[in-house]
Amino acid sequence: MSVSTAVQPIRVPAEEPAGTAMRAWPLFDPLLILAALGLVACSLVTLHGATRTAVPGSPLYYVERQAIYAGIGLLVAIVLWRVDYSRLRGYRLGLYGAMIALNIAVFGMPAIRGSHRWIPLPFLQLQSSEFGKILLIASLGAFAVDRSRRLHEWRTTARLMLLALVPALIVIPQPDLGTGMVYVSVGFATLFFAGTSWKQLITLFAMFAASVALVLAVAPAMGVHVLKPYQVQRLTGFLHPSRDPQSQTYNILQSEIAIGSGQKTGRGVARASQTNLHFLPENQTDFIFAVVGETYGFAGAALVLSLYALLIWRTLRILTMAKNLYGTLIAGGVVAMLMFQVFVNTGMTIGIMPITGVPLPLMSYGGSSVLVTFIAIGLLQSIYVQARTSAAAKGRMIK
């Protein structure tokens, strides 16, 4: 018997073409970016009309800065979607700790209009509670994944919700009640998308409703005031909009007048009296949607809401595509953050929600809010890229 001693050649994989590394570049959701850039464009147009006389000698003051914030945010988003979001899971303790530290640090900063919300930087008034939103989403999702096998336990549910409540209780005294509510909504969303039972979720919601009733009604009746008087007025004023039109419900009434006067196509920039005569308060931030309604009418408001619908739809789509639970929870936290802010902000301008100071994402003026929203979009794109790359590796294509 002869034994073959022929040496079998070793097959070396063909060298990957130089352009292959860049094939991930077009793997992004164009509709998500289209919605974000469309909202930025609407913001710049609206700010141009609403703030052209706000800063004497500088009619483009707010427009230029908002454009700069959006440009930086877009660059950050592009960098993020080129990185695997799963790496953030290993930094969960650091991310959560940074969120707590930033939110505590503002109490040592100078008060601006009676609030301790900002850390002054040379190029930006950094609002720590805004960046805390995305830090909470990334860290809370990681904590939930770590305990994914114990999500049926009440102990796990309580721990995850407590992790969301702690930063909420820190930012509310700044005072920033709106962001505190966003943190709570992110906590609920994380539990929901992680698969927590309906029984536990309903129980948590009932406890939350009871706590609200205790803070707003029972405690004040007993002489204990958890919230400041103006915060209580903001939370309850929309229930009786005509009770105190000169003080408590002034903002709501002026906003309703602005939106109602816009009718179908708006009054135009020159004839938008509520905006131009400064009857409408905070028209570049909290009440920018009322400016859209007065200036561009139903058509303008419908365009803005349609862009938000597109943004949220694509976020939900990415949520279903995620390659792992961590991606699902990040996308779930982002969609909760966006939906809560859009619903509350637009709702308060038409008198169906309390005034809480929640910004309208990518529309309201503010560097921190714009940057955080683009960071969230970058993470969503990373989830999308990783999902498509993983699907392609398995020989199937996600359309």
Protein backbone atom coordinates (compact mmCIF):
# COMPACT_ATOMS: atom_id res chain seq x y z
CA MET A 1 0.00 0.00 0.00
CA SER A 2 1.42 3.36 -0.95
CA VAL A 3 0.76 6.39 1.15
CA SER A 4 0.41 9.66 -0.68
CA THR A 5 2.81 12.20 0.70
CA ALA A 6 1.57 15.03 -1.49
CA VAL A 7 1.27 18.15 0.53
CA GLN A 8 -2.12 19.80 0.28
CA PRO A 9 -1.76 23.51 -0.40
CA ILE A 10 -2.99 25.80 2.33
CA ARG A 11 -5.78 27.99 1.10
CA VAL A 12 -5.26 31.54 2.14
CA PRO A 13 -8.41 33.68 2.03
CA ALA A 14 -8.30 36.28 -0.64
CA GLU A 15 -7.28 39.65 0.65
CA GLU A 16 -10.23 41.87 1.33
CA PRO A 17 -10.49 44.63 -1.23
CA ALA A 18 -9.55 48.03 0.09
CA GLY A 19 -13.04 49.37 -0.53
CA THR A 20 -14.78 46.65 1.47
CA ALA A 21 -14.20 48.45 4.75
CA MET A 22 -16.25 51.31 3.43
CA ARG A 23 -19.20 49.15 2.39
CA ALA A 24 -20.82 49.82 5.74
CA TRP A 25 -20.91 53.52 4.90
CA PRO A 26 -24.09 53.45 2.77
CA LEU A 27 -25.70 51.11 5.30
CA PHE A 28 -27.73 53.74 7.08
CA ASP A 29 -31.38 54.63 7.25
CA PRO A 30 -31.83 57.58 4.84
CA LEU A 31 -35.39 58.28 5.98
CA LEU A 32 -34.26 58.73 9.57
CA ILE A 33 -31.67 61.29 8.50
CA LEU A 34 -34.20 62.94 6.16
CA ALA A 35 -36.65 63.41 9.04
CA ALA A 36 -33.96 64.85 11.32
CA LEU A 37 -32.59 67.27 8.72
CA GLY A 38 -36.12 68.27 7.75
CA LEU A 39 -36.88 69.20 11.36
CA VAL A 40 -33.63 71.17 11.60
CA ALA A 41 -34.58 73.08 8.45
CA CYS A 42 -38.03 73.84 9.90
CA SER A 43 -36.37 75.00 13.11
CA LEU A 44 -34.03 77.39 11.29
CA VAL A 45 -36.86 78.87 9.22
CA THR A 46 -39.07 79.31 12.29
CA LEU A 47 -36.29 80.80 14.41
CA HIS A 48 -35.42 83.26 11.65
CA GLY A 49 -38.92 84.69 11.72
CA ALA A 50 -39.43 84.56 15.48
CA THR A 51 -36.08 85.91 16.71
CA ARG A 52 -34.97 88.36 14.02
CA THR A 53 -35.51 91.29 16.42
CA ALA A 54 -34.57 89.50 19.65
CA VAL A 55 -30.91 90.52 19.56
CA PRO A 56 -30.38 94.09 18.29
CA GLY A 57 -27.92 94.22 15.42
CA SER A 58 -27.82 90.43 15.05
CA PRO A 59 -31.00 89.12 13.37
CA LEU A 60 -29.40 85.70 12.74
CA TYR A 61 -28.08 85.20 16.28
CA TYR A 62 -30.28 82.19 17.12
CA VAL A 63 -30.33 80.81 13.57
CA GLU A 64 -26.55 80.71 13.23
CA ARG A 65 -26.03 79.02 16.58
CA GLN A 66 -28.77 76.48 15.99
CA ALA A 67 -27.19 75.64 12.62
CA ILE A 68 -23.78 75.21 14.27
CA TYR A 69 -25.24 72.92 16.94
CA ALA A 70 -27.00 70.87 14.27
CA GLY A 71 -23.84 70.61 12.18
CA ILE A 72 -21.77 69.41 15.14
CA GLY A 73 -24.55 67.01 16.11
CA LEU A 74 -24.66 65.54 12.61
CA LEU A 75 -20.91 64.95 12.65
CA VAL A 76 -21.18 63.22 16.03
CA ALA A 77 -24.02 61.06 14.70
CA ILE A 78 -21.94 60.01 11.69
CA VAL A 79 -19.08 58.97 13.97
CA LEU A 80 -21.42 57.01 16.25
CA TRP A 81 -23.10 55.02 13.50
CA ARG A 82 -19.66 53.82 12.40
CA VAL A 83 -19.13 52.31 15.87
CA ASP A 84 -20.72 49.17 17.29
CA TYR A 85 -23.18 50.39 19.92
CA SER A 86 -22.76 47.11 21.85
CA ARG A 87 -19.45 48.40 23.18
CA LEU A 88 -21.36 50.83 25.40
CA ARG A 89 -22.67 47.93 27.43
CA GLY A 90 -19.26 47.43 29.01
CA TYR A 91 -19.24 51.05 30.23
CA ARG A 92 -22.65 50.94 31.91
CA LEU A 93 -21.33 51.84 35.38
CA GLY A 94 -19.27 54.71 34.03
CA LEU A 95 -22.17 56.05 31.94
CA TYR A 96 -24.58 55.92 34.86
CA GLY A 97 -22.04 57.45 37.21
CA ALA A 98 -21.32 60.26 34.74
CA MET A 99 -25.04 61.02 34.51
CA ILE A 100 -25.38 61.28 38.29
CA ALA A 101 -22.20 63.36 38.63
CA LEU A 102 -23.23 65.82 35.90
CA ASN A 103 -26.69 66.31 37.37
CA ILE A 104 -25.26 66.93 40.84
CA ALA A 105 -22.51 69.24 39.55
CA VAL A 106 -24.99 71.88 38.35
CA PHE A 107 -26.02 72.67 41.92
CA GLY A 108 -22.58 74.22 42.38
CA MET A 109 -22.91 76.38 39.28
CA PRO A 110 -24.27 79.95 39.15
CA ALA A 111 -28.05 80.13 38.92
CA ILE A 112 -29.50 81.27 35.59
CA ARG A 113 -33.00 82.72 35.89
CA GLY A 114 -33.34 81.04 39.26
CA SER A 115 -32.41 77.56 37.99
CA HIS A 116 -29.35 75.38 38.44
CA ARG A 117 -29.45 73.45 35.17
CA TRP A 118 -26.41 74.53 33.19
CA ILE A 119 -22.64 74.13 33.28
CA PRO A 120 -21.09 77.17 31.55
CA LEU A 121 -18.57 76.29 28.84
CA PRO A 122 -16.79 78.63 26.41
CA PHE A 123 -18.92 77.53 23.47
CA LEU A 124 -22.05 76.13 25.12
CA GLN A 125 -24.23 76.32 28.21
CA LEU A 126 -24.22 72.56 28.81
CA GLN A 127 -27.49 71.34 30.27
CA SER A 128 -26.49 68.21 32.14
CA SER A 129 -30.03 66.86 32.47
CA GLU A 130 -30.32 66.75 28.66
CA PHE A 131 -27.19 64.63 28.28
CA GLY A 132 -28.45 62.56 31.18
CA LYS A 133 -31.28 61.32 28.96
CA ILE A 134 -29.01 59.48 26.55
CA LEU A 135 -26.68 58.34 29.33
CA LEU A 136 -29.66 56.84 31.16
CA ILE A 137 -30.90 55.08 28.01
CA ALA A 138 -27.49 53.49 27.34
CA SER A 139 -26.78 52.47 30.94
CA LEU A 140 -30.29 51.34 31.94
CA GLY A 141 -30.53 49.14 28.85
CA ALA A 142 -27.24 47.49 29.78
CA PHE A 143 -28.40 46.85 33.35
CA ALA A 144 -31.61 45.29 32.00
CA VAL A 145 -29.66 42.99 29.66
CA ASP A 146 -27.50 41.84 32.57
CA ARG A 147 -30.64 40.72 34.41
CA SER A 148 -32.59 39.53 31.37
CA ARG A 149 -33.03 36.07 32.88
CA ARG A 150 -34.64 37.55 35.99
CA LEU A 151 -37.01 40.06 34.43
CA HIS A 152 -39.98 38.14 35.80
CA GLU A 153 -38.86 38.92 39.35
CA TRP A 154 -40.28 41.91 41.18
CA ARG A 155 -36.83 42.60 42.58
CA THR A 156 -35.44 43.17 39.09
CA THR A 157 -38.31 45.46 38.12
CA ALA A 158 -37.89 47.50 41.31
CA ARG A 159 -34.13 47.85 40.81
CA LEU A 160 -34.41 49.01 37.20
CA MET A 161 -37.14 51.50 38.02
CA LEU A 162 -35.14 52.80 40.97
CA LEU A 163 -32.18 53.39 38.65
CA ALA A 164 -34.44 55.67 36.59
CA LEU A 165 -36.03 57.38 39.60
CA VAL A 166 -32.76 58.37 41.29
CA PRO A 167 -31.63 60.79 38.52
CA ALA A 168 -35.23 62.00 38.14
CA LEU A 169 -35.30 62.98 41.81
CA ILE A 170 -31.98 64.78 41.35
CA VAL A 171 -33.04 66.93 38.38
CA ILE A 172 -36.52 67.87 39.64
CA PRO A 173 -35.12 70.23 42.33
CA GLN A 174 -32.88 72.03 39.76
CA PRO A 175 -35.81 72.67 38.95
CA ASP A 176 -36.36 70.57 35.82
CA LEU A 177 -39.61 68.70 36.25
CA GLY A 178 -39.98 67.96 32.54
CA THR A 179 -36.68 66.12 32.23
CA GLY A 180 -37.44 64.19 35.41
CA MET A 181 -40.61 62.94 33.73
CA VAL A 182 -38.60 61.97 30.65
CA TYR A 183 -36.33 59.85 32.85
CA VAL A 184 -39.35 58.07 34.30
CA SER A 185 -40.78 57.41 30.82
CA VAL A 186 -37.42 55.95 29.73
CA GLY A 187 -37.55 53.63 32.75
CA PHE A 188 -41.04 52.41 31.84
CA ALA A 189 -40.04 51.94 28.19
CA THR A 190 -36.96 49.91 29.13
CA LEU A 191 -39.04 47.58 31.28
CA PHE A 192 -41.69 47.27 28.57
CA PHE A 193 -39.33 46.41 25.72
CA ALA A 194 -37.30 44.11 27.97
CA GLY A 195 -40.40 41.96 28.40
CA THR A 196 -41.53 42.82 31.92
CA SER A 197 -44.97 41.37 32.65
CA TRP A 198 -48.07 43.51 32.22
CA LYS A 199 -49.01 42.87 35.84
CA GLN A 200 -45.83 44.51 37.07
CA LEU A 201 -46.10 47.40 34.61
CA ILE A 202 -49.70 48.15 35.58
CA THR A 203 -48.77 48.03 39.24
CA LEU A 204 -45.92 50.47 38.67
CA PHE A 205 -48.22 52.81 36.74
CA ALA A 206 -50.80 52.70 39.54
CA MET A 207 -48.09 53.51 42.08
CA PHE A 208 -46.90 56.39 39.91
CA ALA A 209 -50.44 57.79 39.59
CA ALA A 210 -50.93 57.51 43.34
CA SER A 211 -47.65 59.36 43.92
CA VAL A 212 -48.73 62.19 41.62
CA ALA A 213 -52.05 62.51 43.47
CA LEU A 214 -50.18 62.52 46.78
CA VAL A 215 -47.79 65.27 45.67
CA LEU A 216 -50.38 67.50 43.99
CA ALA A 217 -53.38 67.09 46.30
CA VAL A 218 -52.91 65.18 49.53
CA ALA A 219 -49.55 66.61 50.67
CA PRO A 220 -50.48 70.31 50.09
CA ALA A 221 -53.74 69.78 52.00
CA MET A 222 -51.64 68.59 54.94
CA GLY A 223 -49.30 71.57 54.69
CA VAL A 224 -46.47 69.66 53.02
CA HIS A 225 -45.29 71.17 49.71
CA VAL A 226 -43.08 68.81 47.71
CA LEU A 227 -43.13 70.97 44.58
CA LYS A 228 -42.75 74.71 44.34
CA PRO A 229 -46.02 76.68 43.91
CA TYR A 230 -45.29 77.64 40.30
CA GLN A 231 -44.61 73.98 39.42
CA VAL A 232 -47.98 72.97 40.82
CA GLN A 233 -49.61 75.79 38.85
CA ARG A 234 -47.98 74.58 35.64
CA LEU A 235 -49.09 71.00 36.22
CA THR A 236 -52.70 71.86 37.05
CA GLY A 237 -53.30 75.14 35.21
CA PHE A 238 -54.27 73.51 31.90
CA LEU A 239 -57.30 71.93 33.62
CA HIS A 240 -58.79 75.41 34.19
CA PRO A 241 -57.28 77.66 31.48
CA SER A 242 -59.56 80.64 32.22
CA ARG A 243 -59.08 80.69 36.00
CA ASP A 244 -56.17 83.15 36.10
CA PRO A 245 -55.41 84.41 32.56
CA GLN A 246 -53.07 87.14 33.81
CA SER A 247 -50.77 84.80 35.69
CA GLN A 248 -51.27 81.06 36.11
CA THR A 249 -52.64 80.27 32.64
CA TYR A 250 -51.19 83.20 30.70
CA ASN A 251 -48.78 81.04 28.70
CA ILE A 252 -51.46 78.54 27.70
CA LEU A 253 -53.93 81.20 26.56
CA GLN A 254 -51.36 83.10 24.51
CA SER A 255 -50.25 79.87 22.86
CA GLU A 256 -53.82 78.90 22.00
CA ILE A 257 -54.48 82.36 20.56
CA ALA A 258 -51.32 82.11 18.43
CA ILE A 259 -52.16 78.68 17.04
CA GLY A 260 -55.82 79.53 16.47
CA SER A 261 -55.01 82.72 14.58
CA GLY A 262 -52.83 80.82 12.12
CA GLN A 263 -55.79 78.96 10.61
CA LYS A 264 -54.95 77.02 7.41
CA THR A 265 -51.86 78.65 5.98
CA GLY A 266 -50.71 81.01 8.75
CA ARG A 267 -50.40 84.75 9.13
CA GLY A 268 -46.88 84.97 7.80
CA VAL A 269 -43.80 86.31 9.54
CA ALA A 270 -44.75 89.98 9.32
CA ARG A 271 -48.32 89.56 10.62
CA ALA A 272 -47.65 87.05 13.41
CA SER A 273 -48.61 89.49 16.18
CA GLN A 274 -48.43 87.09 19.14
CA THR A 275 -44.84 86.27 18.20
CA ASN A 276 -43.66 89.69 17.02
CA LEU A 277 -45.15 91.59 19.96
CA HIS A 278 -43.76 89.05 22.44
CA PHE A 279 -47.12 88.01 23.86
CA LEU A 280 -45.98 84.45 23.30
CA PRO A 281 -43.35 83.61 25.94
CA GLU A 282 -40.22 81.58 25.21
CA ASN A 283 -41.10 81.51 21.52
CA GLN A 284 -37.69 80.13 20.53
CA THR A 285 -37.74 77.20 22.95
CA ASP A 286 -40.79 75.89 24.84
CA PHE A 287 -43.44 77.44 22.58
CA ILE A 288 -41.80 77.20 19.17
CA PHE A 289 -44.63 74.94 17.95
CA ALA A 290 -47.07 77.78 18.69
CA VAL A 291 -44.90 80.03 16.50
CA VAL A 292 -45.16 77.46 13.70
CA GLY A 293 -48.95 77.37 14.11
CA GLU A 294 -49.34 81.15 14.02
CA THR A 295 -46.83 81.85 11.25
CA TYR A 296 -47.45 78.90 8.94
CA GLY A 297 -50.84 77.66 10.08
CA PHE A 298 -52.19 74.15 9.88
CA ALA A 299 -50.01 73.42 6.84
CA GLY A 300 -46.80 74.22 8.72
CA ALA A 301 -47.85 72.37 11.85
CA ALA A 302 -48.85 69.33 9.78
CA LEU A 303 -45.46 69.31 8.06
CA VAL A 304 -43.61 69.38 11.39
CA LEU A 305 -45.79 66.64 12.87
CA SER A 306 -45.37 64.53 9.73
CA LEU A 307 -41.59 64.74 10.08
CA TYR A 308 -41.91 63.61 13.71
CA ALA A 309 -44.13 60.74 12.60
CA LEU A 310 -41.45 59.71 10.10
CA LEU A 311 -38.73 59.99 12.75
CA ILE A 312 -40.65 57.86 15.26
CA TRP A 313 -41.71 55.31 12.63
CA ARG A 314 -38.11 54.73 11.56
CA THR A 315 -37.05 54.47 15.21
CA LEU A 316 -39.67 51.78 15.80
CA ARG A 317 -38.55 50.04 12.61
CA ILE A 318 -34.94 50.02 13.83
CA LEU A 319 -36.13 48.69 17.19
CA THR A 320 -37.55 45.61 15.48
CA MET A 321 -34.36 45.08 13.45
CA ALA A 322 -31.87 45.16 16.34
CA LYS A 323 -29.47 42.22 16.40
CA ASN A 324 -29.64 41.87 20.18
CA LEU A 325 -31.68 42.87 23.22
CA TYR A 326 -29.37 45.76 24.04
CA GLY A 327 -30.05 47.38 20.68
CA THR A 328 -33.78 46.91 21.19
CA LEU A 329 -33.63 48.60 24.59
CA ILE A 330 -31.59 51.55 23.33
CA ALA A 331 -34.03 52.11 20.47
CA GLY A 332 -36.95 51.66 22.89
CA GLY A 333 -35.52 54.28 25.24
CA VAL A 334 -34.96 56.70 22.35
CA VAL A 335 -38.49 56.27 21.02
CA ALA A 336 -39.88 56.88 24.53
CA MET A 337 -37.76 60.03 24.87
CA LEU A 338 -38.87 61.37 21.49
CA MET A 339 -42.55 60.49 21.81
CA PHE A 340 -42.82 61.89 25.33
CA GLN A 341 -41.20 65.19 24.40
CA VAL A 342 -43.19 65.64 21.18
CA PHE A 343 -46.51 64.75 22.81
CA VAL A 344 -45.99 66.89 25.91
CA ASN A 345 -44.54 69.91 24.10
CA THR A 346 -47.15 70.07 21.35
CA GLY A 347 -49.88 69.15 23.83
CA MET A 348 -49.05 72.02 26.18
CA THR A 349 -49.20 74.55 23.31
CA ILE A 350 -52.80 73.56 22.55
CA GLY A 351 -53.84 73.26 26.19
CA ILE A 352 -54.19 69.51 26.65
CA MET A 353 -50.96 68.94 28.62
CA PRO A 354 -49.33 70.76 31.53
CA ILE A 355 -46.45 73.18 30.95
CA THR A 356 -43.30 71.35 31.99
CA GLY A 357 -40.55 73.02 29.96
CA VAL A 358 -39.88 69.98 27.78
CA PRO A 359 -38.15 71.03 24.52
CA LEU A 360 -39.41 70.02 21.09
CA PRO A 361 -36.61 67.81 19.67
CA LEU A 362 -34.59 69.47 16.89
CA MET A 363 -37.09 72.35 16.76
CA SER A 364 -36.54 74.17 20.06
CA TYR A 365 -33.43 76.33 20.23
CA GLY A 366 -30.71 74.87 22.43
CA GLY A 367 -27.35 73.24 21.89
CA SER A 368 -27.70 70.52 24.51
CA SER A 369 -31.08 69.34 23.24
CA VAL A 370 -29.97 69.31 19.59
CA LEU A 371 -26.71 67.49 20.35
CA VAL A 372 -28.42 64.86 22.49
CA THR A 373 -31.04 64.20 19.81
CA PHE A 374 -28.35 63.72 17.17
CA ILE A 375 -26.43 61.42 19.52
CA ALA A 376 -29.60 59.35 19.81
CA ILE A 377 -29.93 59.31 16.01
CA GLY A 378 -26.31 58.19 15.71
CA LEU A 379 -26.99 55.27 18.07
CA LEU A 380 -30.09 54.36 16.08
CA GLN A 381 -28.06 54.34 12.88
CA SER A 382 -25.46 52.15 14.58
CA ILE A 383 -28.19 49.68 15.51
CA TYR A 384 -29.42 49.75 11.91
CA VAL A 385 -25.93 49.21 10.46
CA GLN A 386 -25.14 46.37 12.85
CA ALA A 387 -28.48 44.69 12.11
CA ARG A 388 -27.94 44.79 8.35
CA THR A 389 -24.32 43.70 8.65
CA SER A 390 -25.32 40.78 10.88
CA ALA A 391 -28.11 39.80 8.49
CA ALA A 392 -25.78 39.94 5.50
CA ALA A 393 -23.30 37.71 7.33
CA LYS A 394 -26.02 35.13 7.79
CA GLY A 395 -26.87 35.19 4.13
CA ARG A 396 -30.11 37.09 4.31
CA MET A 397 -31.01 40.67 3.60
CA ILE A 398 -33.23 42.97 5.66
CA LYS A 399 -35.19 45.25 3.40
